[in-house]
PDB file of all heavy atoms in Angstrom:
ATOM      1  N   PRO A   1     -39.316  65.589  -9.701  1.00  0.00           N
ATOM      2  CA  PRO A   1     -40.393  66.113 -10.536  1.00  0.00           C
ATOM      3  C   PRO A   1     -40.265  67.613 -10.773  1.00  0.00           C
ATOM      4  O   PRO A   1     -40.039  68.379  -9.840  1.00  0.00           O
ATOM      5  CB  PRO A   1     -41.652  65.797  -9.721  1.00  0.00           C
ATOM      6  CG  PRO A   1     -41.275  64.587  -8.937  1.00  0.00           C
ATOM      7  CD  PRO A   1     -39.833  64.816  -8.559  1.00  0.00           C
ATOM      8  N   GLY A   2     -40.382  68.017 -12.033  1.00  0.00           N
ATOM      9  CA  GLY A   2     -40.293  69.420 -12.377  1.00  0.00           C
ATOM     10  C   GLY A   2     -38.890  69.986 -12.435  1.00  0.00           C
ATOM     11  O   GLY A   2     -38.728  71.191 -12.669  1.00  0.00           O
ATOM     12  N   LYS A   3     -37.887  69.153 -12.233  1.00  0.00           N
ATOM     13  CA  LYS A   3     -36.504  69.612 -12.254  1.00  0.00           C
ATOM     14  C   LYS A   3     -35.699  68.895 -13.323  1.00  0.00           C
ATOM     15  O   LYS A   3     -36.090  67.833 -13.806  1.00  0.00           O
ATOM     16  CB  LYS A   3     -35.848  69.399 -10.883  1.00  0.00           C
ATOM     17  CG  LYS A   3     -36.451  70.233  -9.766  1.00  0.00           C
ATOM     18  CD  LYS A   3     -35.678  70.043  -8.483  1.00  0.00           C
ATOM     19  CE  LYS A   3     -36.231  70.928  -7.385  1.00  0.00           C
ATOM     20  NZ  LYS A   3     -36.043  72.365  -7.700  1.00  0.00           N
ATOM     21  N   GLU A   4     -34.574  69.490 -13.685  1.00  0.00           N
ATOM     22  CA  GLU A   4     -33.677  68.876 -14.658  1.00  0.00           C
ATOM     23  C   GLU A   4     -32.901  67.736 -14.020  1.00  0.00           C
ATOM     24  O   GLU A   4     -32.685  67.709 -12.804  1.00  0.00           O
ATOM     25  CB  GLU A   4     -32.706  69.918 -15.205  1.00  0.00           C
ATOM     26  CG  GLU A   4     -33.358  71.056 -15.969  1.00  0.00           C
ATOM     27  CD  GLU A   4     -33.993  70.584 -17.250  1.00  0.00           C
ATOM     28  OE1 GLU A   4     -33.410  69.702 -17.920  1.00  0.00           O
ATOM     29  OE2 GLU A   4     -35.073  71.082 -17.591  1.00  0.00           O
ATOM     30  N   ARG A   5     -32.483  66.810 -14.844  1.00  0.00           N
ATOM     31  CA  ARG A   5     -31.640  65.733 -14.360  1.00  0.00           C
ATOM     32  C   ARG A   5     -30.288  66.300 -13.943  1.00  0.00           C
ATOM     33  O   ARG A   5     -29.676  67.068 -14.685  1.00  0.00           O
ATOM     34  CB  ARG A   5     -31.465  64.677 -15.447  1.00  0.00           C
ATOM     35  CG  ARG A   5     -30.763  63.412 -14.988  1.00  0.00           C
ATOM     36  CD  ARG A   5     -30.931  62.291 -16.007  1.00  0.00           C
ATOM     37  NE  ARG A   5     -32.336  61.956 -16.199  1.00  0.00           N
ATOM     38  CZ  ARG A   5     -32.771  60.933 -16.928  1.00  0.00           C
ATOM     39  NH1 ARG A   5     -31.895  60.137 -17.539  1.00  0.00           N
ATOM     40  NH2 ARG A   5     -34.062  60.716 -17.057  1.00  0.00           N
ATOM     41  N   GLU A   6     -29.819  65.927 -12.760  1.00  0.00           N
ATOM     42  CA  GLU A   6     -28.583  66.486 -12.255  1.00  0.00           C
ATOM     43  C   GLU A   6     -27.570  65.408 -11.904  1.00  0.00           C
ATOM     44  O   GLU A   6     -27.919  64.301 -11.500  1.00  0.00           O
ATOM     45  CB  GLU A   6     -28.841  67.373 -11.034  1.00  0.00           C
ATOM     46  CG  GLU A   6     -29.331  66.633  -9.810  1.00  0.00           C
ATOM     47  CD  GLU A   6     -29.406  67.517  -8.577  1.00  0.00           C
ATOM     48  OE1 GLU A   6     -28.856  68.642  -8.609  1.00  0.00           O
ATOM     49  OE2 GLU A   6     -30.022  67.091  -7.584  1.00  0.00           O
ATOM     50  N   PHE A   7     -26.317  65.768 -12.036  1.00  0.00           N
ATOM     51  CA  PHE A   7     -25.213  64.881 -11.724  1.00  0.00           C
ATOM     52  C   PHE A   7     -25.112  64.639 -10.231  1.00  0.00           C
ATOM     53  O   PHE A   7     -25.293  65.558  -9.429  1.00  0.00           O
ATOM     54  CB  PHE A   7     -23.916  65.516 -12.237  1.00  0.00           C
ATOM     55  CG  PHE A   7     -22.667  64.816 -11.795  1.00  0.00           C
ATOM     56  CD1 PHE A   7     -22.244  63.665 -12.429  1.00  0.00           C
ATOM     57  CD2 PHE A   7     -21.913  65.319 -10.752  1.00  0.00           C
ATOM     58  CE1 PHE A   7     -21.080  63.023 -12.036  1.00  0.00           C
ATOM     59  CE2 PHE A   7     -20.750  64.694 -10.343  1.00  0.00           C
ATOM     60  CZ  PHE A   7     -20.337  63.544 -10.992  1.00  0.00           C
ATOM     61  N   VAL A   8     -24.814  63.404  -9.851  1.00  0.00           N
ATOM     62  CA  VAL A   8     -24.619  63.053  -8.451  1.00  0.00           C
ATOM     63  C   VAL A   8     -23.179  62.622  -8.190  1.00  0.00           C
ATOM     64  O   VAL A   8     -22.496  63.180  -7.328  1.00  0.00           O
ATOM     65  CB  VAL A   8     -25.581  61.935  -8.006  1.00  0.00           C
ATOM     66  CG1 VAL A   8     -25.310  61.542  -6.555  1.00  0.00           C
ATOM     67  CG2 VAL A   8     -27.026  62.382  -8.174  1.00  0.00           C
ATOM     68  N   ALA A   9     -22.714  61.619  -8.934  1.00  0.00           N
ATOM     69  CA  ALA A   9     -21.363  61.105  -8.726  1.00  0.00           C
ATOM     70  C   ALA A   9     -20.920  60.306  -9.934  1.00  0.00           C
ATOM     71  O   ALA A   9     -21.745  59.783 -10.685  1.00  0.00           O
ATOM     72  CB  ALA A   9     -21.303  60.226  -7.474  1.00  0.00           C
ATOM     73  N   SER A  10     -19.614  60.196 -10.126  1.00  0.00           N
ATOM     74  CA  SER A  10     -19.067  59.407 -11.220  1.00  0.00           C
ATOM     75  C   SER A  10     -17.883  58.594 -10.733  1.00  0.00           C
ATOM     76  O   SER A  10     -17.279  58.894  -9.701  1.00  0.00           O
ATOM     77  CB  SER A  10     -18.644  60.299 -12.393  1.00  0.00           C
ATOM     78  OG  SER A  10     -17.542  61.116 -12.031  1.00  0.00           O
ATOM     79  N   ILE A  11     -17.547  57.570 -11.505  1.00  0.00           N
ATOM     80  CA  ILE A  11     -16.398  56.731 -11.200  1.00  0.00           C
ATOM     81  C   ILE A  11     -15.752  56.313 -12.510  1.00  0.00           C
ATOM     82  O   ILE A  11     -16.436  56.015 -13.489  1.00  0.00           O
ATOM     83  CB  ILE A  11     -16.818  55.514 -10.341  1.00  0.00           C
ATOM     84  CG1 ILE A  11     -15.588  54.740  -9.861  1.00  0.00           C
ATOM     85  CG2 ILE A  11     -17.785  54.620 -11.105  1.00  0.00           C
ATOM     86  CD1 ILE A  11     -15.910  53.741  -8.752  1.00  0.00           C
ATOM     87  N   SER A  12     -14.429  56.290 -12.528  1.00  0.00           N
ATOM     88  CA  SER A  12     -13.703  55.996 -13.749  1.00  0.00           C
ATOM     89  C   SER A  12     -13.786  54.519 -14.113  1.00  0.00           C
ATOM     90  O   SER A  12     -14.256  53.685 -13.333  1.00  0.00           O
ATOM     91  CB  SER A  12     -12.239  56.413 -13.601  1.00  0.00           C
ATOM     92  OG  SER A  12     -11.599  55.646 -12.600  1.00  0.00           O
ATOM     93  N   ARG A  13     -13.307  54.201 -15.313  1.00  0.00           N
ATOM     94  CA  ARG A  13     -13.396  52.839 -15.825  1.00  0.00           C
ATOM     95  C   ARG A  13     -12.793  51.795 -14.889  1.00  0.00           C
ATOM     96  O   ARG A  13     -13.338  50.695 -14.746  1.00  0.00           O
ATOM     97  CB  ARG A  13     -12.707  52.741 -17.198  1.00  0.00           C
ATOM     98  CG  ARG A  13     -13.391  53.541 -18.297  1.00  0.00           C
ATOM     99  CD  ARG A  13     -12.720  53.303 -19.647  1.00  0.00           C
ATOM    100  NE  ARG A  13     -11.328  53.726 -19.664  1.00  0.00           N
ATOM    101  CZ  ARG A  13     -10.928  54.967 -19.857  1.00  0.00           C
ATOM    102  NH1 ARG A  13     -11.816  55.933 -20.048  1.00  0.00           N
ATOM    103  NH2 ARG A  13      -9.628  55.251 -19.857  1.00  0.00           N
ATOM    104  N   THR A  14     -11.687  52.139 -14.255  1.00  0.00           N
ATOM    105  CA  THR A  14     -11.010  51.208 -13.363  1.00  0.00           C
ATOM    106  C   THR A  14     -11.305  51.464 -11.890  1.00  0.00           C
ATOM    107  O   THR A  14     -10.748  50.786 -11.025  1.00  0.00           O
ATOM    108  CB  THR A  14      -9.497  51.255 -13.584  1.00  0.00           C
ATOM    109  OG1 THR A  14      -9.026  52.586 -13.357  1.00  0.00           O
ATOM    110  CG2 THR A  14      -9.146  50.844 -15.011  1.00  0.00           C
ATOM    111  N   GLY A  15     -12.147  52.442 -11.608  1.00  0.00           N
ATOM    112  CA  GLY A  15     -12.506  52.739 -10.233  1.00  0.00           C
ATOM    113  C   GLY A  15     -11.511  53.610  -9.499  1.00  0.00           C
ATOM    114  O   GLY A  15     -11.666  53.835  -8.296  1.00  0.00           O
ATOM    115  N   ASP A  16     -10.499  54.115 -10.188  1.00  0.00           N
ATOM    116  CA  ASP A  16      -9.446  54.899  -9.550  1.00  0.00           C
ATOM    117  C   ASP A  16      -9.842  56.337  -9.249  1.00  0.00           C
ATOM    118  O   ASP A  16      -9.303  56.941  -8.320  1.00  0.00           O
ATOM    119  CB  ASP A  16      -8.199  54.909 -10.432  1.00  0.00           C
ATOM    120  CG  ASP A  16      -7.584  53.543 -10.592  1.00  0.00           C
ATOM    121  OD1 ASP A  16      -7.689  52.727  -9.658  1.00  0.00           O
ATOM    122  OD2 ASP A  16      -6.984  53.284 -11.659  1.00  0.00           O
ATOM    123  N   GLY A  17     -10.751  56.895 -10.035  1.00  0.00           N
ATOM    124  CA  GLY A  17     -11.137  58.280  -9.863  1.00  0.00           C
ATOM    125  C   GLY A  17     -12.625  58.437  -9.633  1.00  0.00           C
ATOM    126  O   GLY A  17     -13.438  57.797 -10.303  1.00  0.00           O
ATOM    127  N   THR A  18     -12.971  59.285  -8.681  1.00  0.00           N
ATOM    128  CA  THR A  18     -14.376  59.559  -8.387  1.00  0.00           C
ATOM    129  C   THR A  18     -14.608  61.060  -8.326  1.00  0.00           C
ATOM    130  O   THR A  18     -13.689  61.839  -8.068  1.00  0.00           O
ATOM    131  CB  THR A  18     -14.820  58.924  -7.064  1.00  0.00           C
ATOM    132  OG1 THR A  18     -14.003  59.422  -5.996  1.00  0.00           O
ATOM    133  CG2 THR A  18     -14.696  57.409  -7.124  1.00  0.00           C
ATOM    134  N   SER A  19     -15.848  61.454  -8.558  1.00  0.00           N
ATOM    135  CA  SER A  19     -16.232  62.850  -8.492  1.00  0.00           C
ATOM    136  C   SER A  19     -17.640  62.939  -7.931  1.00  0.00           C
ATOM    137  O   SER A  19     -18.469  62.068  -8.199  1.00  0.00           O
ATOM    138  CB  SER A  19     -16.163  63.487  -9.885  1.00  0.00           C
ATOM    139  OG  SER A  19     -16.482  64.864  -9.833  1.00  0.00           O
ATOM    140  N   PHE A  20     -17.908  64.005  -7.159  1.00  0.00           N
ATOM    141  CA  PHE A  20     -19.195  64.154  -6.502  1.00  0.00           C
ATOM    142  C   PHE A  20     -19.749  65.558  -6.683  1.00  0.00           C
ATOM    143  O   PHE A  20     -18.994  66.531  -6.715  1.00  0.00           O
ATOM    144  CB  PHE A  20     -19.071  63.869  -5.005  1.00  0.00           C
ATOM    145  CG  PHE A  20     -18.572  62.498  -4.686  1.00  0.00           C
ATOM    146  CD1 PHE A  20     -17.223  62.259  -4.528  1.00  0.00           C
ATOM    147  CD2 PHE A  20     -19.458  61.445  -4.555  1.00  0.00           C
ATOM    148  CE1 PHE A  20     -16.756  60.990  -4.241  1.00  0.00           C
ATOM    149  CE2 PHE A  20     -19.000  60.167  -4.263  1.00  0.00           C
ATOM    150  CZ  PHE A  20     -17.648  59.939  -4.107  1.00  0.00           C
ATOM    151  N   ALA A  21     -21.055  65.638  -6.771  1.00  0.00           N
ATOM    152  CA  ALA A  21     -21.703  66.931  -6.774  1.00  0.00           C
ATOM    153  C   ALA A  21     -21.531  67.582  -5.401  1.00  0.00           C
ATOM    154  O   ALA A  21     -21.471  66.893  -4.378  1.00  0.00           O
ATOM    155  CB  ALA A  21     -23.189  66.785  -7.093  1.00  0.00           C
ATOM    156  N   ASN A  22     -21.453  68.910  -5.388  1.00  0.00           N
ATOM    157  CA  ASN A  22     -21.269  69.618  -4.122  1.00  0.00           C
ATOM    158  C   ASN A  22     -22.381  69.310  -3.118  1.00  0.00           C
ATOM    159  O   ASN A  22     -22.132  69.261  -1.909  1.00  0.00           O
ATOM    160  CB  ASN A  22     -21.206  71.120  -4.361  1.00  0.00           C
ATOM    161  CG  ASN A  22     -19.936  71.543  -5.063  1.00  0.00           C
ATOM    162  OD1 ASN A  22     -18.913  70.868  -4.983  1.00  0.00           O
ATOM    163  ND2 ASN A  22     -19.989  72.667  -5.753  1.00  0.00           N
ATOM    164  N   SER A  23     -23.575  69.079  -3.611  1.00  0.00           N
ATOM    165  CA  SER A  23     -24.711  68.852  -2.738  1.00  0.00           C
ATOM    166  C   SER A  23     -24.638  67.542  -1.962  1.00  0.00           C
ATOM    167  O   SER A  23     -25.350  67.370  -0.972  1.00  0.00           O
ATOM    168  CB  SER A  23     -26.009  68.896  -3.548  1.00  0.00           C
ATOM    169  OG  SER A  23     -26.010  67.898  -4.551  1.00  0.00           O
ATOM    170  N   VAL A  24     -23.782  66.618  -2.402  1.00  0.00           N
ATOM    171  CA  VAL A  24     -23.720  65.311  -1.755  1.00  0.00           C
ATOM    172  C   VAL A  24     -22.337  64.968  -1.213  1.00  0.00           C
ATOM    173  O   VAL A  24     -22.168  63.902  -0.613  1.00  0.00           O
ATOM    174  CB  VAL A  24     -24.171  64.190  -2.706  1.00  0.00           C
ATOM    175  CG1 VAL A  24     -25.604  64.421  -3.158  1.00  0.00           C
ATOM    176  CG2 VAL A  24     -23.232  64.090  -3.905  1.00  0.00           C
ATOM    177  N   LYS A  25     -21.372  65.837  -1.397  1.00  0.00           N
ATOM    178  CA  LYS A  25     -20.022  65.564  -0.909  1.00  0.00           C
ATOM    179  C   LYS A  25     -20.036  65.288   0.587  1.00  0.00           C
ATOM    180  O   LYS A  25     -20.651  66.007   1.361  1.00  0.00           O
ATOM    181  CB  LYS A  25     -19.091  66.736  -1.209  1.00  0.00           C
ATOM    182  CG  LYS A  25     -18.644  66.818  -2.651  1.00  0.00           C
ATOM    183  CD  LYS A  25     -17.669  67.966  -2.855  1.00  0.00           C
ATOM    184  CE  LYS A  25     -17.181  68.014  -4.293  1.00  0.00           C
ATOM    185  NZ  LYS A  25     -16.254  69.155  -4.513  1.00  0.00           N
ATOM    186  N   GLY A  26     -19.352  64.226   0.966  1.00  0.00           N
ATOM    187  CA  GLY A  26     -19.292  63.845   2.361  1.00  0.00           C
ATOM    188  C   GLY A  26     -20.414  62.940   2.800  1.00  0.00           C
ATOM    189  O   GLY A  26     -20.354  62.371   3.900  1.00  0.00           O
ATOM    190  N   ARG A  27     -21.443  62.775   1.975  1.00  0.00           N
ATOM    191  CA  ARG A  27     -22.591  61.956   2.336  1.00  0.00           C
ATOM    192  C   ARG A  27     -22.785  60.761   1.413  1.00  0.00           C
ATOM    193  O   ARG A  27     -23.631  59.914   1.698  1.00  0.00           O
ATOM    194  CB  ARG A  27     -23.874  62.787   2.317  1.00  0.00           C
ATOM    195  CG  ARG A  27     -23.860  63.975   3.250  1.00  0.00           C
ATOM    196  CD  ARG A  27     -25.246  64.595   3.369  1.00  0.00           C
ATOM    197  NE  ARG A  27     -25.731  65.127   2.104  1.00  0.00           N
ATOM    198  CZ  ARG A  27     -26.796  64.666   1.454  1.00  0.00           C
ATOM    199  NH1 ARG A  27     -27.493  63.648   1.959  1.00  0.00           N
ATOM    200  NH2 ARG A  27     -27.168  65.217   0.316  1.00  0.00           N
ATOM    201  N   ILE A  28     -22.040  60.701   0.334  1.00  0.00           N
ATOM    202  CA  ILE A  28     -22.245  59.674  -0.677  1.00  0.00           C
ATOM    203  C   ILE A  28     -20.947  58.983  -1.039  1.00  0.00           C
ATOM    204  O   ILE A  28     -19.894  59.603  -1.112  1.00  0.00           O
ATOM    205  CB  ILE A  28     -22.896  60.289  -1.925  1.00  0.00           C
ATOM    206  CG1 ILE A  28     -24.380  60.521  -1.674  1.00  0.00           C
ATOM    207  CG2 ILE A  28     -22.697  59.413  -3.155  1.00  0.00           C
ATOM    208  CD1 ILE A  28     -25.138  61.039  -2.864  1.00  0.00           C
ATOM    209  N   GLY A  29     -21.044  57.693  -1.277  1.00  0.00           N
ATOM    210  CA  GLY A  29     -19.924  56.927  -1.783  1.00  0.00           C
ATOM    211  C   GLY A  29     -20.324  56.231  -3.071  1.00  0.00           C
ATOM    212  O   GLY A  29     -21.449  55.754  -3.200  1.00  0.00           O
ATOM    213  N   ILE A  30     -19.420  56.196  -4.032  1.00  0.00           N
ATOM    214  CA  ILE A  30     -19.658  55.489  -5.276  1.00  0.00           C
ATOM    215  C   ILE A  30     -18.570  54.435  -5.441  1.00  0.00           C
ATOM    216  O   ILE A  30     -17.400  54.682  -5.140  1.00  0.00           O
ATOM    217  CB  ILE A  30     -19.700  56.447  -6.486  1.00  0.00           C
ATOM    218  CG1 ILE A  30     -20.114  55.702  -7.752  1.00  0.00           C
ATOM    219  CG2 ILE A  30     -18.365  57.159  -6.673  1.00  0.00           C
ATOM    220  CD1 ILE A  30     -20.418  56.631  -8.932  1.00  0.00           C
ATOM    221  N   SER A  31     -18.954  53.260  -5.910  1.00  0.00           N
ATOM    222  CA  SER A  31     -17.996  52.186  -6.093  1.00  0.00           C
ATOM    223  C   SER A  31     -18.486  51.245  -7.182  1.00  0.00           C
ATOM    224  O   SER A  31     -19.637  51.326  -7.617  1.00  0.00           O
ATOM    225  CB  SER A  31     -17.767  51.424  -4.783  1.00  0.00           C
ATOM    226  OG  SER A  31     -18.964  50.827  -4.322  1.00  0.00           O
ATOM    227  N   ARG A  32     -17.605  50.357  -7.615  1.00  0.00           N
ATOM    228  CA  ARG A  32     -17.981  49.369  -8.619  1.00  0.00           C
ATOM    229  C   ARG A  32     -17.225  48.089  -8.334  1.00  0.00           C
ATOM    230  O   ARG A  32     -16.125  48.096  -7.777  1.00  0.00           O
ATOM    231  CB  ARG A  32     -17.688  49.883 -10.030  1.00  0.00           C
ATOM    232  CG  ARG A  32     -16.216  50.097 -10.331  1.00  0.00           C
ATOM    233  CD  ARG A  32     -16.006  50.951 -11.585  1.00  0.00           C
ATOM    234  NE  ARG A  32     -16.645  50.356 -12.748  1.00  0.00           N
ATOM    235  CZ  ARG A  32     -16.840  50.995 -13.906  1.00  0.00           C
ATOM    236  NH1 ARG A  32     -16.449  52.253 -14.042  1.00  0.00           N
ATOM    237  NH2 ARG A  32     -17.436  50.367 -14.910  1.00  0.00           N
ATOM    238  N   ASP A  33     -17.806  46.968  -8.732  1.00  0.00           N
ATOM    239  CA  ASP A  33     -17.101  45.712  -8.582  1.00  0.00           C
ATOM    240  C   ASP A  33     -16.278  45.442  -9.839  1.00  0.00           C
ATOM    241  O   ASP A  33     -16.130  46.314 -10.695  1.00  0.00           O
ATOM    242  CB  ASP A  33     -18.061  44.558  -8.243  1.00  0.00           C
ATOM    243  CG  ASP A  33     -19.011  44.182  -9.373  1.00  0.00           C
ATOM    244  OD1 ASP A  33     -18.838  44.657 -10.515  1.00  0.00           O
ATOM    245  OD2 ASP A  33     -19.935  43.394  -9.109  1.00  0.00           O
ATOM    246  N   TYR A  34     -15.745  44.257  -9.963  1.00  0.00           N
ATOM    247  CA  TYR A  34     -14.839  43.962 -11.069  1.00  0.00           C
ATOM    248  C   TYR A  34     -15.536  43.394 -12.295  1.00  0.00           C
ATOM    249  O   TYR A  34     -14.870  42.966 -13.241  1.00  0.00           O
ATOM    250  CB  TYR A  34     -13.753  43.004 -10.597  1.00  0.00           C
ATOM    251  CG  TYR A  34     -12.923  43.566  -9.475  1.00  0.00           C
ATOM    252  CD1 TYR A  34     -12.891  42.959  -8.231  1.00  0.00           C
ATOM    253  CD2 TYR A  34     -12.177  44.723  -9.665  1.00  0.00           C
ATOM    254  CE1 TYR A  34     -12.141  43.491  -7.197  1.00  0.00           C
ATOM    255  CE2 TYR A  34     -11.422  45.262  -8.637  1.00  0.00           C
ATOM    256  CZ  TYR A  34     -11.410  44.642  -7.407  1.00  0.00           C
ATOM    257  OH  TYR A  34     -10.656  45.173  -6.387  1.00  0.00           O
ATOM    258  N   GLU A  35     -16.849  43.424 -12.290  1.00  0.00           N
ATOM    259  CA  GLU A  35     -17.606  42.898 -13.419  1.00  0.00           C
ATOM    260  C   GLU A  35     -18.689  43.855 -13.897  1.00  0.00           C
ATOM    261  O   GLU A  35     -18.444  44.708 -14.745  1.00  0.00           O
ATOM    262  CB  GLU A  35     -18.202  41.528 -13.073  1.00  0.00           C
ATOM    263  CG  GLU A  35     -17.199  40.384 -13.151  1.00  0.00           C
ATOM    264  CD  GLU A  35     -16.764  40.083 -14.576  1.00  0.00           C
ATOM    265  OE1 GLU A  35     -17.516  40.397 -15.524  1.00  0.00           O
ATOM    266  OE2 GLU A  35     -15.660  39.526 -14.760  1.00  0.00           O
ATOM    267  N   LYS A  36     -19.901  43.735 -13.335  1.00  0.00           N
ATOM    268  CA  LYS A  36     -21.065  44.383 -13.918  1.00  0.00           C
ATOM    269  C   LYS A  36     -21.794  45.380 -13.030  1.00  0.00           C
ATOM    270  O   LYS A  36     -22.742  46.011 -13.495  1.00  0.00           O
ATOM    271  CB  LYS A  36     -22.086  43.317 -14.346  1.00  0.00           C
ATOM    272  CG  LYS A  36     -21.572  42.292 -15.343  1.00  0.00           C
ATOM    273  CD  LYS A  36     -22.665  41.272 -15.641  1.00  0.00           C
ATOM    274  CE  LYS A  36     -22.209  40.257 -16.662  1.00  0.00           C
ATOM    275  NZ  LYS A  36     -23.295  39.260 -16.938  1.00  0.00           N
ATOM    276  N   THR A  37     -21.391  45.522 -11.777  1.00  0.00           N
ATOM    277  CA  THR A  37     -22.224  46.244 -10.836  1.00  0.00           C
ATOM    278  C   THR A  37     -21.630  47.563 -10.360  1.00  0.00           C
ATOM    279  O   THR A  37     -20.449  47.639 -10.023  1.00  0.00           O
ATOM    280  CB  THR A  37     -22.547  45.364  -9.620  1.00  0.00           C
ATOM    281  OG1 THR A  37     -23.078  44.114 -10.076  1.00  0.00           O
ATOM    282  CG2 THR A  37     -23.581  46.034  -8.733  1.00  0.00           C
ATOM    283  N   LEU A  38     -22.472  48.575 -10.320  1.00  0.00           N
ATOM    284  CA  LEU A  38     -22.151  49.897  -9.807  1.00  0.00           C
ATOM    285  C   LEU A  38     -22.982  50.140  -8.552  1.00  0.00           C
ATOM    286  O   LEU A  38     -24.143  49.744  -8.503  1.00  0.00           O
ATOM    287  CB  LEU A  38     -22.475  50.951 -10.867  1.00  0.00           C
ATOM    288  CG  LEU A  38     -22.352  52.415 -10.466  1.00  0.00           C
ATOM    289  CD1 LEU A  38     -20.875  52.794 -10.349  1.00  0.00           C
ATOM    290  CD2 LEU A  38     -23.056  53.301 -11.487  1.00  0.00           C
ATOM    291  N   TYR A  39     -22.407  50.828  -7.565  1.00  0.00           N
ATOM    292  CA  TYR A  39     -23.100  51.090  -6.310  1.00  0.00           C
ATOM    293  C   TYR A  39     -23.101  52.579  -5.982  1.00  0.00           C
ATOM    294  O   TYR A  39     -22.196  53.315  -6.362  1.00  0.00           O
ATOM    295  CB  TYR A  39     -22.425  50.357  -5.148  1.00  0.00           C
ATOM    296  CG  TYR A  39     -22.365  48.864  -5.309  1.00  0.00           C
ATOM    297  CD1 TYR A  39     -21.238  48.255  -5.836  1.00  0.00           C
ATOM    298  CD2 TYR A  39     -23.441  48.063  -4.922  1.00  0.00           C
ATOM    299  CE1 TYR A  39     -21.180  46.883  -5.983  1.00  0.00           C
ATOM    300  CE2 TYR A  39     -23.385  46.690  -5.069  1.00  0.00           C
ATOM    301  CZ  TYR A  39     -22.254  46.103  -5.595  1.00  0.00           C
ATOM    302  OH  TYR A  39     -22.198  44.744  -5.744  1.00  0.00           O
ATOM    303  N   LEU A  40     -24.114  52.987  -5.258  1.00  0.00           N
ATOM    304  CA  LEU A  40     -24.172  54.328  -4.703  1.00  0.00           C
ATOM    305  C   LEU A  40     -24.657  54.211  -3.265  1.00  0.00           C
ATOM    306  O   LEU A  40     -25.774  53.745  -3.028  1.00  0.00           O
ATOM    307  CB  LEU A  40     -25.117  55.226  -5.506  1.00  0.00           C
ATOM    308  CG  LEU A  40     -25.161  56.692  -5.075  1.00  0.00           C
ATOM    309  CD1 LEU A  40     -23.849  57.387  -5.441  1.00  0.00           C
ATOM    310  CD2 LEU A  40     -26.338  57.420  -5.720  1.00  0.00           C
ATOM    311  N   ASP A  41     -23.822  54.614  -2.321  1.00  0.00           N
ATOM    312  CA  ASP A  41     -24.183  54.597  -0.905  1.00  0.00           C
ATOM    313  C   ASP A  41     -24.615  55.992  -0.489  1.00  0.00           C
ATOM    314  O   ASP A  41     -23.828  56.935  -0.547  1.00  0.00           O
ATOM    315  CB  ASP A  41     -23.006  54.130  -0.055  1.00  0.00           C
ATOM    316  CG  ASP A  41     -22.696  52.671  -0.263  1.00  0.00           C
ATOM    317  OD1 ASP A  41     -23.597  51.837  -0.073  1.00  0.00           O
ATOM    318  OD2 ASP A  41     -21.539  52.347  -0.622  1.00  0.00           O
ATOM    319  N   LEU A  42     -25.864  56.102  -0.091  1.00  0.00           N
ATOM    320  CA  LEU A  42     -26.454  57.369   0.311  1.00  0.00           C
ATOM    321  C   LEU A  42     -26.555  57.410   1.830  1.00  0.00           C
ATOM    322  O   LEU A  42     -27.138  56.515   2.436  1.00  0.00           O
ATOM    323  CB  LEU A  42     -27.848  57.531  -0.293  1.00  0.00           C
ATOM    324  CG  LEU A  42     -27.935  57.433  -1.818  1.00  0.00           C
ATOM    325  CD1 LEU A  42     -29.387  57.280  -2.248  1.00  0.00           C
ATOM    326  CD2 LEU A  42     -27.329  58.668  -2.450  1.00  0.00           C
ATOM    327  N   ASN A  43     -26.009  58.451   2.432  1.00  0.00           N
ATOM    328  CA  ASN A  43     -25.987  58.578   3.886  1.00  0.00           C
ATOM    329  C   ASN A  43     -26.529  59.931   4.327  1.00  0.00           C
ATOM    330  O   ASN A  43     -26.481  60.903   3.576  1.00  0.00           O
ATOM    331  CB  ASN A  43     -24.567  58.407   4.414  1.00  0.00           C
ATOM    332  CG  ASN A  43     -23.942  57.099   4.017  1.00  0.00           C
ATOM    333  OD1 ASN A  43     -24.403  56.031   4.429  1.00  0.00           O
ATOM    334  ND2 ASN A  43     -22.890  57.162   3.202  1.00  0.00           N
TER     335      ASN A  43
END
């Protein structure tokens, strides 16, 4: 609330490349399955 939307993490079309915001590096995992689902693991 009251803040701009910010980037957290991304994953490439084939899942080969990922990128993370500095604020979450080391605490977050991003993954996708082979069909329709994207995941974000927050630790």
